[in-house]
Amino acid sequence: MSRITKLYEHLVTNHPDADEVRLTLREIHRIVRALPERAWRDVGWWANDPNDHHARRWLDAGFDVTEVNLTGQYVVFRRNVRGKKR
């Protein structure tokens, strides 16, 4: 299992009914046990690209990244259409 899969598990387990989740980069770092250096400095790393292995984790959990603030060191995940409960 990849480290970033732990983010998927966190979102699904701890935020099953949330429409929006705001996590600091430090929180994500603790969850995945080592956030890549690029994630701390490059907004593009957080793109909702289903071809990127890491992005696939939050997309599969039913979330899109809607805000990245590297200065404030946080990321906002918003429930996507695929993640809406019917």
N, C-alpha and C. Protein backbone atom coordinates (compact mmCIF):
# COMPACT_ATOMS: atom_id res chain seq x y z
N MET A 1 0.86 -1.19 0.00
CA MET A 1 0.00 0.00 0.00
C MET A 1 0.89 1.24 0.00
N SER A 2 0.58 2.20 -0.85
CA SER A 2 1.36 3.44 -0.89
C SER A 2 1.00 4.31 0.31
N ARG A 3 1.93 5.17 0.66
CA ARG A 3 1.69 6.07 1.80
C ARG A 3 0.50 6.98 1.54
N ILE A 4 0.36 7.44 0.32
CA ILE A 4 -0.71 8.39 0.01
C ILE A 4 -2.09 7.72 0.13
N THR A 5 -2.14 6.39 0.07
CA THR A 5 -3.40 5.68 0.27
C THR A 5 -3.95 5.97 1.66
N LYS A 6 -3.10 6.28 2.60
CA LYS A 6 -3.55 6.62 3.95
C LYS A 6 -4.42 7.89 3.94
N LEU A 7 -4.19 8.78 2.97
CA LEU A 7 -5.05 9.96 2.85
C LEU A 7 -6.45 9.53 2.42
N TYR A 8 -6.54 8.61 1.48
CA TYR A 8 -7.84 8.06 1.07
C TYR A 8 -8.56 7.50 2.30
N GLU A 9 -7.86 6.66 3.06
CA GLU A 9 -8.46 6.04 4.24
C GLU A 9 -8.92 7.09 5.25
N HIS A 10 -8.12 8.12 5.43
CA HIS A 10 -8.47 9.18 6.37
C HIS A 10 -9.75 9.90 5.93
N LEU A 11 -9.82 10.27 4.67
CA LEU A 11 -10.99 10.99 4.18
C LEU A 11 -12.25 10.13 4.27
N VAL A 12 -12.16 8.88 3.89
CA VAL A 12 -13.32 7.99 3.90
C VAL A 12 -13.76 7.67 5.33
N THR A 13 -12.81 7.41 6.20
CA THR A 13 -13.12 6.99 7.57
C THR A 13 -13.52 8.15 8.48
N ASN A 14 -12.78 9.24 8.41
CA ASN A 14 -12.98 10.35 9.34
C ASN A 14 -13.91 11.44 8.85
N HIS A 15 -14.22 11.44 7.57
CA HIS A 15 -15.07 12.51 7.00
C HIS A 15 -16.12 11.94 6.04
N PRO A 16 -16.83 10.88 6.45
CA PRO A 16 -17.75 10.22 5.51
C PRO A 16 -18.93 11.09 5.07
N ASP A 17 -19.33 12.06 5.89
CA ASP A 17 -20.48 12.89 5.56
C ASP A 17 -20.12 14.35 5.30
N ALA A 18 -18.84 14.65 5.32
CA ALA A 18 -18.40 16.04 5.15
C ALA A 18 -18.49 16.47 3.69
N ASP A 19 -18.97 17.68 3.49
CA ASP A 19 -18.95 18.26 2.14
C ASP A 19 -17.60 18.91 1.86
N GLU A 20 -16.93 19.33 2.94
CA GLU A 20 -15.64 20.01 2.79
C GLU A 20 -14.74 19.63 3.96
N VAL A 21 -13.47 19.42 3.65
CA VAL A 21 -12.48 19.08 4.67
C VAL A 21 -11.25 19.95 4.44
N ARG A 22 -10.85 20.65 5.49
CA ARG A 22 -9.65 21.49 5.43
C ARG A 22 -8.59 20.82 6.29
N LEU A 23 -7.45 20.49 5.68
CA LEU A 23 -6.35 19.87 6.40
C LEU A 23 -5.08 20.68 6.18
N THR A 24 -4.29 20.83 7.22
CA THR A 24 -3.01 21.49 7.06
C THR A 24 -2.04 20.51 6.41
N LEU A 25 -0.99 21.06 5.83
CA LEU A 25 0.02 20.20 5.23
C LEU A 25 0.67 19.32 6.29
N ARG A 26 0.82 19.86 7.49
CA ARG A 26 1.39 19.06 8.60
C ARG A 26 0.47 17.89 8.95
N GLU A 27 -0.84 18.14 8.97
CA GLU A 27 -1.78 17.05 9.24
C GLU A 27 -1.67 15.97 8.17
N ILE A 28 -1.63 16.40 6.91
CA ILE A 28 -1.52 15.43 5.81
C ILE A 28 -0.20 14.69 5.90
N HIS A 29 0.86 15.41 6.24
CA HIS A 29 2.18 14.81 6.40
C HIS A 29 2.13 13.70 7.45
N ARG A 30 1.45 13.96 8.56
CA ARG A 30 1.32 12.95 9.62
C ARG A 30 0.47 11.76 9.14
N ILE A 31 -0.59 12.06 8.41
CA ILE A 31 -1.48 11.00 7.93
C ILE A 31 -0.75 10.05 6.98
N VAL A 32 0.00 10.61 6.04
CA VAL A 32 0.67 9.79 5.02
C VAL A 32 2.08 9.39 5.44
N ARG A 33 2.54 9.93 6.53
CA ARG A 33 3.85 9.61 7.10
C ARG A 33 5.01 10.02 6.19
N ALA A 34 4.85 11.08 5.47
CA ALA A 34 5.92 11.67 4.66
C ALA A 34 5.34 12.25 3.38
N LEU A 35 4.89 13.48 3.46
CA LEU A 35 4.37 14.17 2.28
C LEU A 35 5.55 14.57 1.41
N PRO A 36 5.50 14.28 0.11
CA PRO A 36 6.62 14.60 -0.77
C PRO A 36 6.96 16.10 -0.74
N GLU A 37 8.22 16.40 -0.90
CA GLU A 37 8.70 17.79 -0.88
C GLU A 37 7.94 18.65 -1.89
N ARG A 38 7.66 18.10 -3.06
CA ARG A 38 6.96 18.87 -4.10
C ARG A 38 5.58 19.34 -3.62
N ALA A 39 4.91 18.56 -2.79
CA ALA A 39 3.57 18.92 -2.29
C ALA A 39 3.62 20.17 -1.42
N TRP A 40 4.76 20.43 -0.80
CA TRP A 40 4.93 21.60 0.08
C TRP A 40 5.21 22.88 -0.72
N ARG A 41 5.66 22.74 -1.96
CA ARG A 41 6.11 23.92 -2.70
C ARG A 41 5.46 24.13 -4.07
N ASP A 42 4.67 23.14 -4.54
CA ASP A 42 4.13 23.22 -5.89
C ASP A 42 2.61 22.97 -5.88
N VAL A 43 1.85 24.01 -6.14
CA VAL A 43 0.39 23.90 -6.17
C VAL A 43 -0.04 22.84 -7.19
N GLY A 44 0.71 22.71 -8.27
CA GLY A 44 0.38 21.74 -9.31
C GLY A 44 0.33 20.30 -8.82
N TRP A 45 1.06 19.99 -7.74
CA TRP A 45 1.04 18.63 -7.19
C TRP A 45 -0.36 18.26 -6.74
N TRP A 46 -1.14 19.26 -6.35
CA TRP A 46 -2.48 19.06 -5.81
C TRP A 46 -3.57 19.06 -6.89
N ALA A 47 -3.19 19.09 -8.15
CA ALA A 47 -4.18 19.10 -9.25
C ALA A 47 -5.03 17.82 -9.20
N ASN A 48 -6.27 17.95 -9.58
CA ASN A 48 -7.22 16.82 -9.58
C ASN A 48 -7.07 16.01 -10.86
N ASP A 49 -5.87 15.56 -11.12
CA ASP A 49 -5.58 14.81 -12.34
C ASP A 49 -5.71 13.31 -12.06
N PRO A 50 -6.73 12.66 -12.61
CA PRO A 50 -6.94 11.24 -12.34
C PRO A 50 -5.81 10.35 -12.83
N ASN A 51 -4.92 10.90 -13.66
CA ASN A 51 -3.77 10.13 -14.13
C ASN A 51 -2.61 10.13 -13.14
N ASP A 52 -2.68 11.01 -12.14
CA ASP A 52 -1.66 11.05 -11.10
C ASP A 52 -2.06 10.11 -9.97
N HIS A 53 -1.16 9.20 -9.65
CA HIS A 53 -1.44 8.20 -8.60
C HIS A 53 -1.90 8.85 -7.30
N HIS A 54 -1.21 9.90 -6.88
CA HIS A 54 -1.56 10.53 -5.59
C HIS A 54 -2.92 11.21 -5.65
N ALA A 55 -3.24 11.90 -6.74
CA ALA A 55 -4.54 12.58 -6.87
C ALA A 55 -5.68 11.57 -6.90
N ARG A 56 -5.40 10.42 -7.46
CA ARG A 56 -6.42 9.36 -7.55
C ARG A 56 -6.95 8.99 -6.16
N ARG A 57 -6.11 9.12 -5.14
CA ARG A 57 -6.53 8.75 -3.77
C ARG A 57 -7.66 9.63 -3.28
N TRP A 58 -7.53 10.96 -3.39
CA TRP A 58 -8.62 11.81 -2.90
C TRP A 58 -9.80 11.80 -3.86
N LEU A 59 -9.53 11.63 -5.15
CA LEU A 59 -10.64 11.53 -6.11
C LEU A 59 -11.47 10.27 -5.83
N ASP A 60 -10.79 9.15 -5.58
CA ASP A 60 -11.50 7.90 -5.28
C ASP A 60 -12.25 7.98 -3.95
N ALA A 61 -11.78 8.82 -3.05
CA ALA A 61 -12.46 9.00 -1.76
C ALA A 61 -13.69 9.89 -1.92
N GLY A 62 -13.86 10.47 -3.12
CA GLY A 62 -15.04 11.31 -3.38
C GLY A 62 -14.80 12.79 -3.19
N PHE A 63 -13.53 13.22 -3.26
CA PHE A 63 -13.19 14.63 -3.04
C PHE A 63 -12.36 15.19 -4.18
N ASP A 64 -12.51 16.48 -4.40
CA ASP A 64 -11.63 17.26 -5.26
C ASP A 64 -10.89 18.24 -4.37
N VAL A 65 -9.68 18.59 -4.76
CA VAL A 65 -8.98 19.68 -4.08
C VAL A 65 -9.52 20.97 -4.70
N THR A 66 -10.04 21.86 -3.85
CA THR A 66 -10.62 23.10 -4.35
C THR A 66 -9.81 24.32 -3.95
N GLU A 67 -8.91 24.16 -3.00
CA GLU A 67 -8.07 25.28 -2.58
C GLU A 67 -6.75 24.73 -2.04
N VAL A 68 -5.67 25.35 -2.47
CA VAL A 68 -4.34 25.03 -1.95
C VAL A 68 -3.71 26.35 -1.55
N ASN A 69 -3.31 26.46 -0.31
CA ASN A 69 -2.65 27.66 0.18
C ASN A 69 -1.31 27.24 0.76
N LEU A 70 -0.27 27.38 -0.04
CA LEU A 70 1.05 26.96 0.41
C LEU A 70 1.62 27.92 1.45
N THR A 71 1.26 29.19 1.39
CA THR A 71 1.71 30.14 2.40
C THR A 71 1.06 29.81 3.75
N GLY A 72 -0.24 29.57 3.74
CA GLY A 72 -0.95 29.20 4.95
C GLY A 72 -0.82 27.71 5.28
N GLN A 73 -0.25 26.96 4.36
CA GLN A 73 0.02 25.53 4.52
C GLN A 73 -1.24 24.70 4.81
N TYR A 74 -2.24 24.87 3.93
CA TYR A 74 -3.43 24.04 4.06
C TYR A 74 -4.01 23.72 2.68
N VAL A 75 -4.83 22.68 2.67
CA VAL A 75 -5.52 22.21 1.46
C VAL A 75 -6.98 22.00 1.82
N VAL A 76 -7.87 22.40 0.92
CA VAL A 76 -9.30 22.18 1.12
C VAL A 76 -9.77 21.14 0.10
N PHE A 77 -10.41 20.10 0.63
CA PHE A 77 -11.01 19.05 -0.19
C PHE A 77 -12.52 19.26 -0.15
N ARG A 78 -13.16 19.18 -1.30
CA ARG A 78 -14.62 19.36 -1.38
C ARG A 78 -15.22 18.11 -2.01
N ARG A 79 -16.31 17.65 -1.45
CA ARG A 79 -16.99 16.46 -1.96
C ARG A 79 -17.33 16.68 -3.42
N ASN A 80 -16.99 15.71 -4.26
CA ASN A 80 -17.29 15.84 -5.68
C ASN A 80 -18.55 15.07 -6.04
N VAL A 81 -18.99 15.18 -7.28
CA VAL A 81 -20.23 14.55 -7.72
C VAL A 81 -20.16 13.03 -7.51
N ARG A 82 -19.00 12.43 -7.78
CA ARG A 82 -18.85 11.00 -7.59
C ARG A 82 -18.97 10.61 -6.12
N GLY A 83 -18.65 11.55 -5.22
CA GLY A 83 -18.67 11.25 -3.79
C GLY A 83 -19.99 11.58 -3.11
N LYS A 84 -20.92 12.18 -3.84
CA LYS A 84 -22.22 12.54 -3.25
C LYS A 84 -23.02 11.28 -2.95
N LYS A 85 -23.61 11.26 -1.79
CA LYS A 85 -24.46 10.12 -1.42
C LYS A 85 -25.80 10.27 -2.11
N ARG A 86 -26.31 9.19 -2.57
CA ARG A 86 -27.60 9.20 -3.27
C ARG A 86 -28.71 8.87 -2.32
